[in-house]
Amino acid sequence: GETGAESSPTEFSPEGERLLVSDN
């Protein structure tokens, strides 16, 4: 995300090559 916003990880995908994230 842009500086000043908030991003967070939630979970790796089952195969481990993708990352579920949130961002505002």
PDBML (XML) file of the C-alpha atoms, coordinates in Angstrom:
<?xml version="1.0" encoding="UTF-8" ?>
<PDBx:datablock datablockName="MODEL"
   xmlns:PDBx="http://pdbml.pdb.org/schema/pdbx-v50.xsd"
   xmlns:xsi="http://www.w3.org/2001/XMLSchema-instance"
   xsi:schemaLocation="http://pdbml.pdb.org/schema/pdbx-v50.xsd pdbx-v50.xsd">
   <PDBx:atom_siteCategory>
      <PDBx:atom_site id="1">
         <PDBx:B_iso_or_equiv>0.00</PDBx:B_iso_or_equiv>
         <PDBx:Cartn_x>0.000</PDBx:Cartn_x>
         <PDBx:Cartn_y>0.000</PDBx:Cartn_y>
         <PDBx:Cartn_z>0.000</PDBx:Cartn_z>
         <PDBx:auth_asym_id>A</PDBx:auth_asym_id>
         <PDBx:auth_atom_id>CA</PDBx:auth_atom_id>
         <PDBx:auth_comp_id>GLY</PDBx:auth_comp_id>
         <PDBx:auth_seq_id>1</PDBx:auth_seq_id>
         <PDBx:group_PDB>ATOM</PDBx:group_PDB>
         <PDBx:label_alt_id xsi:nil="true" />
         <PDBx:label_asym_id>A</PDBx:label_asym_id>
         <PDBx:label_atom_id>CA</PDBx:label_atom_id>
         <PDBx:label_comp_id>GLY</PDBx:label_comp_id>
         <PDBx:label_entity_id>1</PDBx:label_entity_id>
         <PDBx:label_seq_id>1</PDBx:label_seq_id>
         <PDBx:occupancy>1.00</PDBx:occupancy>
         <PDBx:pdbx_PDB_model_num>1</PDBx:pdbx_PDB_model_num>
         <PDBx:type_symbol>C</PDBx:type_symbol>
      </PDBx:atom_site>
      <PDBx:atom_site id="2">
         <PDBx:B_iso_or_equiv>0.00</PDBx:B_iso_or_equiv>
         <PDBx:Cartn_x>0.873</PDBx:Cartn_x>
         <PDBx:Cartn_y>3.655</PDBx:Cartn_y>
         <PDBx:Cartn_z>-0.032</PDBx:Cartn_z>
         <PDBx:auth_asym_id>A</PDBx:auth_asym_id>
         <PDBx:auth_atom_id>CA</PDBx:auth_atom_id>
         <PDBx:auth_comp_id>GLU</PDBx:auth_comp_id>
         <PDBx:auth_seq_id>2</PDBx:auth_seq_id>
         <PDBx:group_PDB>ATOM</PDBx:group_PDB>
         <PDBx:label_alt_id xsi:nil="true" />
         <PDBx:label_asym_id>A</PDBx:label_asym_id>
         <PDBx:label_atom_id>CA</PDBx:label_atom_id>
         <PDBx:label_comp_id>GLU</PDBx:label_comp_id>
         <PDBx:label_entity_id>1</PDBx:label_entity_id>
         <PDBx:label_seq_id>2</PDBx:label_seq_id>
         <PDBx:occupancy>1.00</PDBx:occupancy>
         <PDBx:pdbx_PDB_model_num>1</PDBx:pdbx_PDB_model_num>
         <PDBx:type_symbol>C</PDBx:type_symbol>
      </PDBx:atom_site>
      <PDBx:atom_site id="3">
         <PDBx:B_iso_or_equiv>0.00</PDBx:B_iso_or_equiv>
         <PDBx:Cartn_x>2.862</PDBx:Cartn_x>
         <PDBx:Cartn_y>5.134</PDBx:Cartn_y>
         <PDBx:Cartn_z>2.852</PDBx:Cartn_z>
         <PDBx:auth_asym_id>A</PDBx:auth_asym_id>
         <PDBx:auth_atom_id>CA</PDBx:auth_atom_id>
         <PDBx:auth_comp_id>THR</PDBx:auth_comp_id>
         <PDBx:auth_seq_id>3</PDBx:auth_seq_id>
         <PDBx:group_PDB>ATOM</PDBx:group_PDB>
         <PDBx:label_alt_id xsi:nil="true" />
         <PDBx:label_asym_id>A</PDBx:label_asym_id>
         <PDBx:label_atom_id>CA</PDBx:label_atom_id>
         <PDBx:label_comp_id>THR</PDBx:label_comp_id>
         <PDBx:label_entity_id>1</PDBx:label_entity_id>
         <PDBx:label_seq_id>3</PDBx:label_seq_id>
         <PDBx:occupancy>1.00</PDBx:occupancy>
         <PDBx:pdbx_PDB_model_num>1</PDBx:pdbx_PDB_model_num>
         <PDBx:type_symbol>C</PDBx:type_symbol>
      </PDBx:atom_site>
      <PDBx:atom_site id="4">
         <PDBx:B_iso_or_equiv>0.00</PDBx:B_iso_or_equiv>
         <PDBx:Cartn_x>0.457</PDBx:Cartn_x>
         <PDBx:Cartn_y>6.034</PDBx:Cartn_y>
         <PDBx:Cartn_z>5.647</PDBx:Cartn_z>
         <PDBx:auth_asym_id>A</PDBx:auth_asym_id>
         <PDBx:auth_atom_id>CA</PDBx:auth_atom_id>
         <PDBx:auth_comp_id>GLY</PDBx:auth_comp_id>
         <PDBx:auth_seq_id>4</PDBx:auth_seq_id>
         <PDBx:group_PDB>ATOM</PDBx:group_PDB>
         <PDBx:label_alt_id xsi:nil="true" />
         <PDBx:label_asym_id>A</PDBx:label_asym_id>
         <PDBx:label_atom_id>CA</PDBx:label_atom_id>
         <PDBx:label_comp_id>GLY</PDBx:label_comp_id>
         <PDBx:label_entity_id>1</PDBx:label_entity_id>
         <PDBx:label_seq_id>4</PDBx:label_seq_id>
         <PDBx:occupancy>1.00</PDBx:occupancy>
         <PDBx:pdbx_PDB_model_num>1</PDBx:pdbx_PDB_model_num>
         <PDBx:type_symbol>C</PDBx:type_symbol>
      </PDBx:atom_site>
      <PDBx:atom_site id="5">
         <PDBx:B_iso_or_equiv>0.00</PDBx:B_iso_or_equiv>
         <PDBx:Cartn_x>-1.954</PDBx:Cartn_x>
         <PDBx:Cartn_y>3.240</PDBx:Cartn_y>
         <PDBx:Cartn_z>4.812</PDBx:Cartn_z>
         <PDBx:auth_asym_id>A</PDBx:auth_asym_id>
         <PDBx:auth_atom_id>CA</PDBx:auth_atom_id>
         <PDBx:auth_comp_id>ALA</PDBx:auth_comp_id>
         <PDBx:auth_seq_id>5</PDBx:auth_seq_id>
         <PDBx:group_PDB>ATOM</PDBx:group_PDB>
         <PDBx:label_alt_id xsi:nil="true" />
         <PDBx:label_asym_id>A</PDBx:label_asym_id>
         <PDBx:label_atom_id>CA</PDBx:label_atom_id>
         <PDBx:label_comp_id>ALA</PDBx:label_comp_id>
         <PDBx:label_entity_id>1</PDBx:label_entity_id>
         <PDBx:label_seq_id>5</PDBx:label_seq_id>
         <PDBx:occupancy>1.00</PDBx:occupancy>
         <PDBx:pdbx_PDB_model_num>1</PDBx:pdbx_PDB_model_num>
         <PDBx:type_symbol>C</PDBx:type_symbol>
      </PDBx:atom_site>
      <PDBx:atom_site id="6">
         <PDBx:B_iso_or_equiv>0.00</PDBx:B_iso_or_equiv>
         <PDBx:Cartn_x>-2.197</PDBx:Cartn_x>
         <PDBx:Cartn_y>-0.074</PDBx:Cartn_y>
         <PDBx:Cartn_z>6.641</PDBx:Cartn_z>
         <PDBx:auth_asym_id>A</PDBx:auth_asym_id>
         <PDBx:auth_atom_id>CA</PDBx:auth_atom_id>
         <PDBx:auth_comp_id>GLU</PDBx:auth_comp_id>
         <PDBx:auth_seq_id>6</PDBx:auth_seq_id>
         <PDBx:group_PDB>ATOM</PDBx:group_PDB>
         <PDBx:label_alt_id xsi:nil="true" />
         <PDBx:label_asym_id>A</PDBx:label_asym_id>
         <PDBx:label_atom_id>CA</PDBx:label_atom_id>
         <PDBx:label_comp_id>GLU</PDBx:label_comp_id>
         <PDBx:label_entity_id>1</PDBx:label_entity_id>
         <PDBx:label_seq_id>6</PDBx:label_seq_id>
         <PDBx:occupancy>1.00</PDBx:occupancy>
         <PDBx:pdbx_PDB_model_num>1</PDBx:pdbx_PDB_model_num>
         <PDBx:type_symbol>C</PDBx:type_symbol>
      </PDBx:atom_site>
      <PDBx:atom_site id="7">
         <PDBx:B_iso_or_equiv>0.00</PDBx:B_iso_or_equiv>
         <PDBx:Cartn_x>-1.532</PDBx:Cartn_x>
         <PDBx:Cartn_y>-3.479</PDBx:Cartn_y>
         <PDBx:Cartn_z>5.118</PDBx:Cartn_z>
         <PDBx:auth_asym_id>A</PDBx:auth_asym_id>
         <PDBx:auth_atom_id>CA</PDBx:auth_atom_id>
         <PDBx:auth_comp_id>SER</PDBx:auth_comp_id>
         <PDBx:auth_seq_id>7</PDBx:auth_seq_id>
         <PDBx:group_PDB>ATOM</PDBx:group_PDB>
         <PDBx:label_alt_id xsi:nil="true" />
         <PDBx:label_asym_id>A</PDBx:label_asym_id>
         <PDBx:label_atom_id>CA</PDBx:label_atom_id>
         <PDBx:label_comp_id>SER</PDBx:label_comp_id>
         <PDBx:label_entity_id>1</PDBx:label_entity_id>
         <PDBx:label_seq_id>7</PDBx:label_seq_id>
         <PDBx:occupancy>1.00</PDBx:occupancy>
         <PDBx:pdbx_PDB_model_num>1</PDBx:pdbx_PDB_model_num>
         <PDBx:type_symbol>C</PDBx:type_symbol>
      </PDBx:atom_site>
      <PDBx:atom_site id="8">
         <PDBx:B_iso_or_equiv>0.00</PDBx:B_iso_or_equiv>
         <PDBx:Cartn_x>-1.624</PDBx:Cartn_x>
         <PDBx:Cartn_y>-6.786</PDBx:Cartn_y>
         <PDBx:Cartn_z>6.948</PDBx:Cartn_z>
         <PDBx:auth_asym_id>A</PDBx:auth_asym_id>
         <PDBx:auth_atom_id>CA</PDBx:auth_atom_id>
         <PDBx:auth_comp_id>SER</PDBx:auth_comp_id>
         <PDBx:auth_seq_id>8</PDBx:auth_seq_id>
         <PDBx:group_PDB>ATOM</PDBx:group_PDB>
         <PDBx:label_alt_id xsi:nil="true" />
         <PDBx:label_asym_id>A</PDBx:label_asym_id>
         <PDBx:label_atom_id>CA</PDBx:label_atom_id>
         <PDBx:label_comp_id>SER</PDBx:label_comp_id>
         <PDBx:label_entity_id>1</PDBx:label_entity_id>
         <PDBx:label_seq_id>8</PDBx:label_seq_id>
         <PDBx:occupancy>1.00</PDBx:occupancy>
         <PDBx:pdbx_PDB_model_num>1</PDBx:pdbx_PDB_model_num>
         <PDBx:type_symbol>C</PDBx:type_symbol>
      </PDBx:atom_site>
      <PDBx:atom_site id="9">
         <PDBx:B_iso_or_equiv>0.00</PDBx:B_iso_or_equiv>
         <PDBx:Cartn_x>-1.069</PDBx:Cartn_x>
         <PDBx:Cartn_y>-10.480</PDBx:Cartn_y>
         <PDBx:Cartn_z>6.122</PDBx:Cartn_z>
         <PDBx:auth_asym_id>A</PDBx:auth_asym_id>
         <PDBx:auth_atom_id>CA</PDBx:auth_atom_id>
         <PDBx:auth_comp_id>PRO</PDBx:auth_comp_id>
         <PDBx:auth_seq_id>9</PDBx:auth_seq_id>
         <PDBx:group_PDB>ATOM</PDBx:group_PDB>
         <PDBx:label_alt_id xsi:nil="true" />
         <PDBx:label_asym_id>A</PDBx:label_asym_id>
         <PDBx:label_atom_id>CA</PDBx:label_atom_id>
         <PDBx:label_comp_id>PRO</PDBx:label_comp_id>
         <PDBx:label_entity_id>1</PDBx:label_entity_id>
         <PDBx:label_seq_id>9</PDBx:label_seq_id>
         <PDBx:occupancy>1.00</PDBx:occupancy>
         <PDBx:pdbx_PDB_model_num>1</PDBx:pdbx_PDB_model_num>
         <PDBx:type_symbol>C</PDBx:type_symbol>
      </PDBx:atom_site>
      <PDBx:atom_site id="10">
         <PDBx:B_iso_or_equiv>0.00</PDBx:B_iso_or_equiv>
         <PDBx:Cartn_x>-3.831</PDBx:Cartn_x>
         <PDBx:Cartn_y>-12.984</PDBx:Cartn_y>
         <PDBx:Cartn_z>6.841</PDBx:Cartn_z>
         <PDBx:auth_asym_id>A</PDBx:auth_asym_id>
         <PDBx:auth_atom_id>CA</PDBx:auth_atom_id>
         <PDBx:auth_comp_id>THR</PDBx:auth_comp_id>
         <PDBx:auth_seq_id>10</PDBx:auth_seq_id>
         <PDBx:group_PDB>ATOM</PDBx:group_PDB>
         <PDBx:label_alt_id xsi:nil="true" />
         <PDBx:label_asym_id>A</PDBx:label_asym_id>
         <PDBx:label_atom_id>CA</PDBx:label_atom_id>
         <PDBx:label_comp_id>THR</PDBx:label_comp_id>
         <PDBx:label_entity_id>1</PDBx:label_entity_id>
         <PDBx:label_seq_id>10</PDBx:label_seq_id>
         <PDBx:occupancy>1.00</PDBx:occupancy>
         <PDBx:pdbx_PDB_model_num>1</PDBx:pdbx_PDB_model_num>
         <PDBx:type_symbol>C</PDBx:type_symbol>
      </PDBx:atom_site>
      <PDBx:atom_site id="11">
         <PDBx:B_iso_or_equiv>0.00</PDBx:B_iso_or_equiv>
         <PDBx:Cartn_x>-2.791</PDBx:Cartn_x>
         <PDBx:Cartn_y>-16.413</PDBx:Cartn_y>
         <PDBx:Cartn_z>5.544</PDBx:Cartn_z>
         <PDBx:auth_asym_id>A</PDBx:auth_asym_id>
         <PDBx:auth_atom_id>CA</PDBx:auth_atom_id>
         <PDBx:auth_comp_id>GLU</PDBx:auth_comp_id>
         <PDBx:auth_seq_id>11</PDBx:auth_seq_id>
         <PDBx:group_PDB>ATOM</PDBx:group_PDB>
         <PDBx:label_alt_id xsi:nil="true" />
         <PDBx:label_asym_id>A</PDBx:label_asym_id>
         <PDBx:label_atom_id>CA</PDBx:label_atom_id>
         <PDBx:label_comp_id>GLU</PDBx:label_comp_id>
         <PDBx:label_entity_id>1</PDBx:label_entity_id>
         <PDBx:label_seq_id>11</PDBx:label_seq_id>
         <PDBx:occupancy>1.00</PDBx:occupancy>
         <PDBx:pdbx_PDB_model_num>1</PDBx:pdbx_PDB_model_num>
         <PDBx:type_symbol>C</PDBx:type_symbol>
      </PDBx:atom_site>
      <PDBx:atom_site id="12">
         <PDBx:B_iso_or_equiv>0.00</PDBx:B_iso_or_equiv>
         <PDBx:Cartn_x>-0.469</PDBx:Cartn_x>
         <PDBx:Cartn_y>-18.197</PDBx:Cartn_y>
         <PDBx:Cartn_z>3.128</PDBx:Cartn_z>
         <PDBx:auth_asym_id>A</PDBx:auth_asym_id>
         <PDBx:auth_atom_id>CA</PDBx:auth_atom_id>
         <PDBx:auth_comp_id>PHE</PDBx:auth_comp_id>
         <PDBx:auth_seq_id>12</PDBx:auth_seq_id>
         <PDBx:group_PDB>ATOM</PDBx:group_PDB>
         <PDBx:label_alt_id xsi:nil="true" />
         <PDBx:label_asym_id>A</PDBx:label_asym_id>
         <PDBx:label_atom_id>CA</PDBx:label_atom_id>
         <PDBx:label_comp_id>PHE</PDBx:label_comp_id>
         <PDBx:label_entity_id>1</PDBx:label_entity_id>
         <PDBx:label_seq_id>12</PDBx:label_seq_id>
         <PDBx:occupancy>1.00</PDBx:occupancy>
         <PDBx:pdbx_PDB_model_num>1</PDBx:pdbx_PDB_model_num>
         <PDBx:type_symbol>C</PDBx:type_symbol>
      </PDBx:atom_site>
      <PDBx:atom_site id="13">
         <PDBx:B_iso_or_equiv>0.00</PDBx:B_iso_or_equiv>
         <PDBx:Cartn_x>-2.262</PDBx:Cartn_x>
         <PDBx:Cartn_y>-20.137</PDBx:Cartn_y>
         <PDBx:Cartn_z>0.401</PDBx:Cartn_z>
         <PDBx:auth_asym_id>A</PDBx:auth_asym_id>
         <PDBx:auth_atom_id>CA</PDBx:auth_atom_id>
         <PDBx:auth_comp_id>SER</PDBx:auth_comp_id>
         <PDBx:auth_seq_id>13</PDBx:auth_seq_id>
         <PDBx:group_PDB>ATOM</PDBx:group_PDB>
         <PDBx:label_alt_id xsi:nil="true" />
         <PDBx:label_asym_id>A</PDBx:label_asym_id>
         <PDBx:label_atom_id>CA</PDBx:label_atom_id>
         <PDBx:label_comp_id>SER</PDBx:label_comp_id>
         <PDBx:label_entity_id>1</PDBx:label_entity_id>
         <PDBx:label_seq_id>13</PDBx:label_seq_id>
         <PDBx:occupancy>1.00</PDBx:occupancy>
         <PDBx:pdbx_PDB_model_num>1</PDBx:pdbx_PDB_model_num>
         <PDBx:type_symbol>C</PDBx:type_symbol>
      </PDBx:atom_site>
      <PDBx:atom_site id="14">
         <PDBx:B_iso_or_equiv>0.00</PDBx:B_iso_or_equiv>
         <PDBx:Cartn_x>-2.241</PDBx:Cartn_x>
         <PDBx:Cartn_y>-23.958</PDBx:Cartn_y>
         <PDBx:Cartn_z>0.722</PDBx:Cartn_z>
         <PDBx:auth_asym_id>A</PDBx:auth_asym_id>
         <PDBx:auth_atom_id>CA</PDBx:auth_atom_id>
         <PDBx:auth_comp_id>PRO</PDBx:auth_comp_id>
         <PDBx:auth_seq_id>14</PDBx:auth_seq_id>
         <PDBx:group_PDB>ATOM</PDBx:group_PDB>
         <PDBx:label_alt_id xsi:nil="true" />
         <PDBx:label_asym_id>A</PDBx:label_asym_id>
         <PDBx:label_atom_id>CA</PDBx:label_atom_id>
         <PDBx:label_comp_id>PRO</PDBx:label_comp_id>
         <PDBx:label_entity_id>1</PDBx:label_entity_id>
         <PDBx:label_seq_id>14</PDBx:label_seq_id>
         <PDBx:occupancy>1.00</PDBx:occupancy>
         <PDBx:pdbx_PDB_model_num>1</PDBx:pdbx_PDB_model_num>
         <PDBx:type_symbol>C</PDBx:type_symbol>
      </PDBx:atom_site>
      <PDBx:atom_site id="15">
         <PDBx:B_iso_or_equiv>0.00</PDBx:B_iso_or_equiv>
         <PDBx:Cartn_x>0.667</PDBx:Cartn_x>
         <PDBx:Cartn_y>-24.269</PDBx:Cartn_y>
         <PDBx:Cartn_z>-1.734</PDBx:Cartn_z>
         <PDBx:auth_asym_id>A</PDBx:auth_asym_id>
         <PDBx:auth_atom_id>CA</PDBx:auth_atom_id>
         <PDBx:auth_comp_id>GLU</PDBx:auth_comp_id>
         <PDBx:auth_seq_id>15</PDBx:auth_seq_id>
         <PDBx:group_PDB>ATOM</PDBx:group_PDB>
         <PDBx:label_alt_id xsi:nil="true" />
         <PDBx:label_asym_id>A</PDBx:label_asym_id>
         <PDBx:label_atom_id>CA</PDBx:label_atom_id>
         <PDBx:label_comp_id>GLU</PDBx:label_comp_id>
         <PDBx:label_entity_id>1</PDBx:label_entity_id>
         <PDBx:label_seq_id>15</PDBx:label_seq_id>
         <PDBx:occupancy>1.00</PDBx:occupancy>
         <PDBx:pdbx_PDB_model_num>1</PDBx:pdbx_PDB_model_num>
         <PDBx:type_symbol>C</PDBx:type_symbol>
      </PDBx:atom_site>
      <PDBx:atom_site id="16">
         <PDBx:B_iso_or_equiv>0.00</PDBx:B_iso_or_equiv>
         <PDBx:Cartn_x>2.499</PDBx:Cartn_x>
         <PDBx:Cartn_y>-21.400</PDBx:Cartn_y>
         <PDBx:Cartn_z>-0.010</PDBx:Cartn_z>
         <PDBx:auth_asym_id>A</PDBx:auth_asym_id>
         <PDBx:auth_atom_id>CA</PDBx:auth_atom_id>
         <PDBx:auth_comp_id>GLY</PDBx:auth_comp_id>
         <PDBx:auth_seq_id>16</PDBx:auth_seq_id>
         <PDBx:group_PDB>ATOM</PDBx:group_PDB>
         <PDBx:label_alt_id xsi:nil="true" />
         <PDBx:label_asym_id>A</PDBx:label_asym_id>
         <PDBx:label_atom_id>CA</PDBx:label_atom_id>
         <PDBx:label_comp_id>GLY</PDBx:label_comp_id>
         <PDBx:label_entity_id>1</PDBx:label_entity_id>
         <PDBx:label_seq_id>16</PDBx:label_seq_id>
         <PDBx:occupancy>1.00</PDBx:occupancy>
         <PDBx:pdbx_PDB_model_num>1</PDBx:pdbx_PDB_model_num>
         <PDBx:type_symbol>C</PDBx:type_symbol>
      </PDBx:atom_site>
      <PDBx:atom_site id="17">
         <PDBx:B_iso_or_equiv>0.00</PDBx:B_iso_or_equiv>
         <PDBx:Cartn_x>3.137</PDBx:Cartn_x>
         <PDBx:Cartn_y>-19.246</PDBx:Cartn_y>
         <PDBx:Cartn_z>-3.092</PDBx:Cartn_z>
         <PDBx:auth_asym_id>A</PDBx:auth_asym_id>
         <PDBx:auth_atom_id>CA</PDBx:auth_atom_id>
         <PDBx:auth_comp_id>GLU</PDBx:auth_comp_id>
         <PDBx:auth_seq_id>17</PDBx:auth_seq_id>
         <PDBx:group_PDB>ATOM</PDBx:group_PDB>
         <PDBx:label_alt_id xsi:nil="true" />
         <PDBx:label_asym_id>A</PDBx:label_asym_id>
         <PDBx:label_atom_id>CA</PDBx:label_atom_id>
         <PDBx:label_comp_id>GLU</PDBx:label_comp_id>
         <PDBx:label_entity_id>1</PDBx:label_entity_id>
         <PDBx:label_seq_id>17</PDBx:label_seq_id>
         <PDBx:occupancy>1.00</PDBx:occupancy>
         <PDBx:pdbx_PDB_model_num>1</PDBx:pdbx_PDB_model_num>
         <PDBx:type_symbol>C</PDBx:type_symbol>
      </PDBx:atom_site>
      <PDBx:atom_site id="18">
         <PDBx:B_iso_or_equiv>0.00</PDBx:B_iso_or_equiv>
         <PDBx:Cartn_x>0.391</PDBx:Cartn_x>
         <PDBx:Cartn_y>-16.690</PDBx:Cartn_y>
         <PDBx:Cartn_z>-2.510</PDBx:Cartn_z>
         <PDBx:auth_asym_id>A</PDBx:auth_asym_id>
         <PDBx:auth_atom_id>CA</PDBx:auth_atom_id>
         <PDBx:auth_comp_id>ARG</PDBx:auth_comp_id>
         <PDBx:auth_seq_id>18</PDBx:auth_seq_id>
         <PDBx:group_PDB>ATOM</PDBx:group_PDB>
         <PDBx:label_alt_id xsi:nil="true" />
         <PDBx:label_asym_id>A</PDBx:label_asym_id>
         <PDBx:label_atom_id>CA</PDBx:label_atom_id>
         <PDBx:label_comp_id>ARG</PDBx:label_comp_id>
         <PDBx:label_entity_id>1</PDBx:label_entity_id>
         <PDBx:label_seq_id>18</PDBx:label_seq_id>
         <PDBx:occupancy>1.00</PDBx:occupancy>
         <PDBx:pdbx_PDB_model_num>1</PDBx:pdbx_PDB_model_num>
         <PDBx:type_symbol>C</PDBx:type_symbol>
      </PDBx:atom_site>
      <PDBx:atom_site id="19">
         <PDBx:B_iso_or_equiv>0.00</PDBx:B_iso_or_equiv>
         <PDBx:Cartn_x>-0.388</PDBx:Cartn_x>
         <PDBx:Cartn_y>-14.456</PDBx:Cartn_y>
         <PDBx:Cartn_z>0.441</PDBx:Cartn_z>
         <PDBx:auth_asym_id>A</PDBx:auth_asym_id>
         <PDBx:auth_atom_id>CA</PDBx:auth_atom_id>
         <PDBx:auth_comp_id>LEU</PDBx:auth_comp_id>
         <PDBx:auth_seq_id>19</PDBx:auth_seq_id>
         <PDBx:group_PDB>ATOM</PDBx:group_PDB>
         <PDBx:label_alt_id xsi:nil="true" />
         <PDBx:label_asym_id>A</PDBx:label_asym_id>
         <PDBx:label_atom_id>CA</PDBx:label_atom_id>
         <PDBx:label_comp_id>LEU</PDBx:label_comp_id>
         <PDBx:label_entity_id>1</PDBx:label_entity_id>
         <PDBx:label_seq_id>19</PDBx:label_seq_id>
         <PDBx:occupancy>1.00</PDBx:occupancy>
         <PDBx:pdbx_PDB_model_num>1</PDBx:pdbx_PDB_model_num>
         <PDBx:type_symbol>C</PDBx:type_symbol>
      </PDBx:atom_site>
      <PDBx:atom_site id="20">
         <PDBx:B_iso_or_equiv>0.00</PDBx:B_iso_or_equiv>
         <PDBx:Cartn_x>-3.850</PDBx:Cartn_x>
         <PDBx:Cartn_y>-13.299</PDBx:Cartn_y>
         <PDBx:Cartn_z>1.503</PDBx:Cartn_z>
         <PDBx:auth_asym_id>A</PDBx:auth_asym_id>
         <PDBx:auth_atom_id>CA</PDBx:auth_atom_id>
         <PDBx:auth_comp_id>LEU</PDBx:auth_comp_id>
         <PDBx:auth_seq_id>20</PDBx:auth_seq_id>
         <PDBx:group_PDB>ATOM</PDBx:group_PDB>
         <PDBx:label_alt_id xsi:nil="true" />
         <PDBx:label_asym_id>A</PDBx:label_asym_id>
         <PDBx:label_atom_id>CA</PDBx:label_atom_id>
         <PDBx:label_comp_id>LEU</PDBx:label_comp_id>
         <PDBx:label_entity_id>1</PDBx:label_entity_id>
         <PDBx:label_seq_id>20</PDBx:label_seq_id>
         <PDBx:occupancy>1.00</PDBx:occupancy>
         <PDBx:pdbx_PDB_model_num>1</PDBx:pdbx_PDB_model_num>
         <PDBx:type_symbol>C</PDBx:type_symbol>
      </PDBx:atom_site>
      <PDBx:atom_site id="21">
         <PDBx:B_iso_or_equiv>0.00</PDBx:B_iso_or_equiv>
         <PDBx:Cartn_x>-3.597</PDBx:Cartn_x>
         <PDBx:Cartn_y>-9.642</PDBx:Cartn_y>
         <PDBx:Cartn_z>2.573</PDBx:Cartn_z>
         <PDBx:auth_asym_id>A</PDBx:auth_asym_id>
         <PDBx:auth_atom_id>CA</PDBx:auth_atom_id>
         <PDBx:auth_comp_id>VAL</PDBx:auth_comp_id>
         <PDBx:auth_seq_id>21</PDBx:auth_seq_id>
         <PDBx:group_PDB>ATOM</PDBx:group_PDB>
         <PDBx:label_alt_id xsi:nil="true" />
         <PDBx:label_asym_id>A</PDBx:label_asym_id>
         <PDBx:label_atom_id>CA</PDBx:label_atom_id>
         <PDBx:label_comp_id>VAL</PDBx:label_comp_id>
         <PDBx:label_entity_id>1</PDBx:label_entity_id>
         <PDBx:label_seq_id>21</PDBx:label_seq_id>
         <PDBx:occupancy>1.00</PDBx:occupancy>
         <PDBx:pdbx_PDB_model_num>1</PDBx:pdbx_PDB_model_num>
         <PDBx:type_symbol>C</PDBx:type_symbol>
      </PDBx:atom_site>
      <PDBx:atom_site id="22">
         <PDBx:B_iso_or_equiv>0.00</PDBx:B_iso_or_equiv>
         <PDBx:Cartn_x>-5.671</PDBx:Cartn_x>
         <PDBx:Cartn_y>-6.592</PDBx:Cartn_y>
         <PDBx:Cartn_z>3.456</PDBx:Cartn_z>
         <PDBx:auth_asym_id>A</PDBx:auth_asym_id>
         <PDBx:auth_atom_id>CA</PDBx:auth_atom_id>
         <PDBx:auth_comp_id>SER</PDBx:auth_comp_id>
         <PDBx:auth_seq_id>22</PDBx:auth_seq_id>
         <PDBx:group_PDB>ATOM</PDBx:group_PDB>
         <PDBx:label_alt_id xsi:nil="true" />
         <PDBx:label_asym_id>A</PDBx:label_asym_id>
         <PDBx:label_atom_id>CA</PDBx:label_atom_id>
         <PDBx:label_comp_id>SER</PDBx:label_comp_id>
         <PDBx:label_entity_id>1</PDBx:label_entity_id>
         <PDBx:label_seq_id>22</PDBx:label_seq_id>
         <PDBx:occupancy>1.00</PDBx:occupancy>
         <PDBx:pdbx_PDB_model_num>1</PDBx:pdbx_PDB_model_num>
         <PDBx:type_symbol>C</PDBx:type_symbol>
      </PDBx:atom_site>
      <PDBx:atom_site id="23">
         <PDBx:B_iso_or_equiv>0.00</PDBx:B_iso_or_equiv>
         <PDBx:Cartn_x>-4.972</PDBx:Cartn_x>
         <PDBx:Cartn_y>-2.940</PDBx:Cartn_y>
         <PDBx:Cartn_z>2.695</PDBx:Cartn_z>
         <PDBx:auth_asym_id>A</PDBx:auth_asym_id>
         <PDBx:auth_atom_id>CA</PDBx:auth_atom_id>
         <PDBx:auth_comp_id>ASP</PDBx:auth_comp_id>
         <PDBx:auth_seq_id>23</PDBx:auth_seq_id>
         <PDBx:group_PDB>ATOM</PDBx:group_PDB>
         <PDBx:label_alt_id xsi:nil="true" />
         <PDBx:label_asym_id>A</PDBx:label_asym_id>
         <PDBx:label_atom_id>CA</PDBx:label_atom_id>
         <PDBx:label_comp_id>ASP</PDBx:label_comp_id>
         <PDBx:label_entity_id>1</PDBx:label_entity_id>
         <PDBx:label_seq_id>23</PDBx:label_seq_id>
         <PDBx:occupancy>1.00</PDBx:occupancy>
         <PDBx:pdbx_PDB_model_num>1</PDBx:pdbx_PDB_model_num>
         <PDBx:type_symbol>C</PDBx:type_symbol>
      </PDBx:atom_site>
      <PDBx:atom_site id="24">
         <PDBx:B_iso_or_equiv>0.00</PDBx:B_iso_or_equiv>
         <PDBx:Cartn_x>-6.769</PDBx:Cartn_x>
         <PDBx:Cartn_y>0.384</PDBx:Cartn_y>
         <PDBx:Cartn_z>3.132</PDBx:Cartn_z>
         <PDBx:auth_asym_id>A</PDBx:auth_asym_id>
         <PDBx:auth_atom_id>CA</PDBx:auth_atom_id>
         <PDBx:auth_comp_id>ASN</PDBx:auth_comp_id>
         <PDBx:auth_seq_id>24</PDBx:auth_seq_id>
         <PDBx:group_PDB>ATOM</PDBx:group_PDB>
         <PDBx:label_alt_id xsi:nil="true" />
         <PDBx:label_asym_id>A</PDBx:label_asym_id>
         <PDBx:label_atom_id>CA</PDBx:label_atom_id>
         <PDBx:label_comp_id>ASN</PDBx:label_comp_id>
         <PDBx:label_entity_id>1</PDBx:label_entity_id>
         <PDBx:label_seq_id>24</PDBx:label_seq_id>
         <PDBx:occupancy>1.00</PDBx:occupancy>
         <PDBx:pdbx_PDB_model_num>1</PDBx:pdbx_PDB_model_num>
         <PDBx:type_symbol>C</PDBx:type_symbol>
      </PDBx:atom_site>
   </PDBx:atom_siteCategory>
</PDBx:datablock>
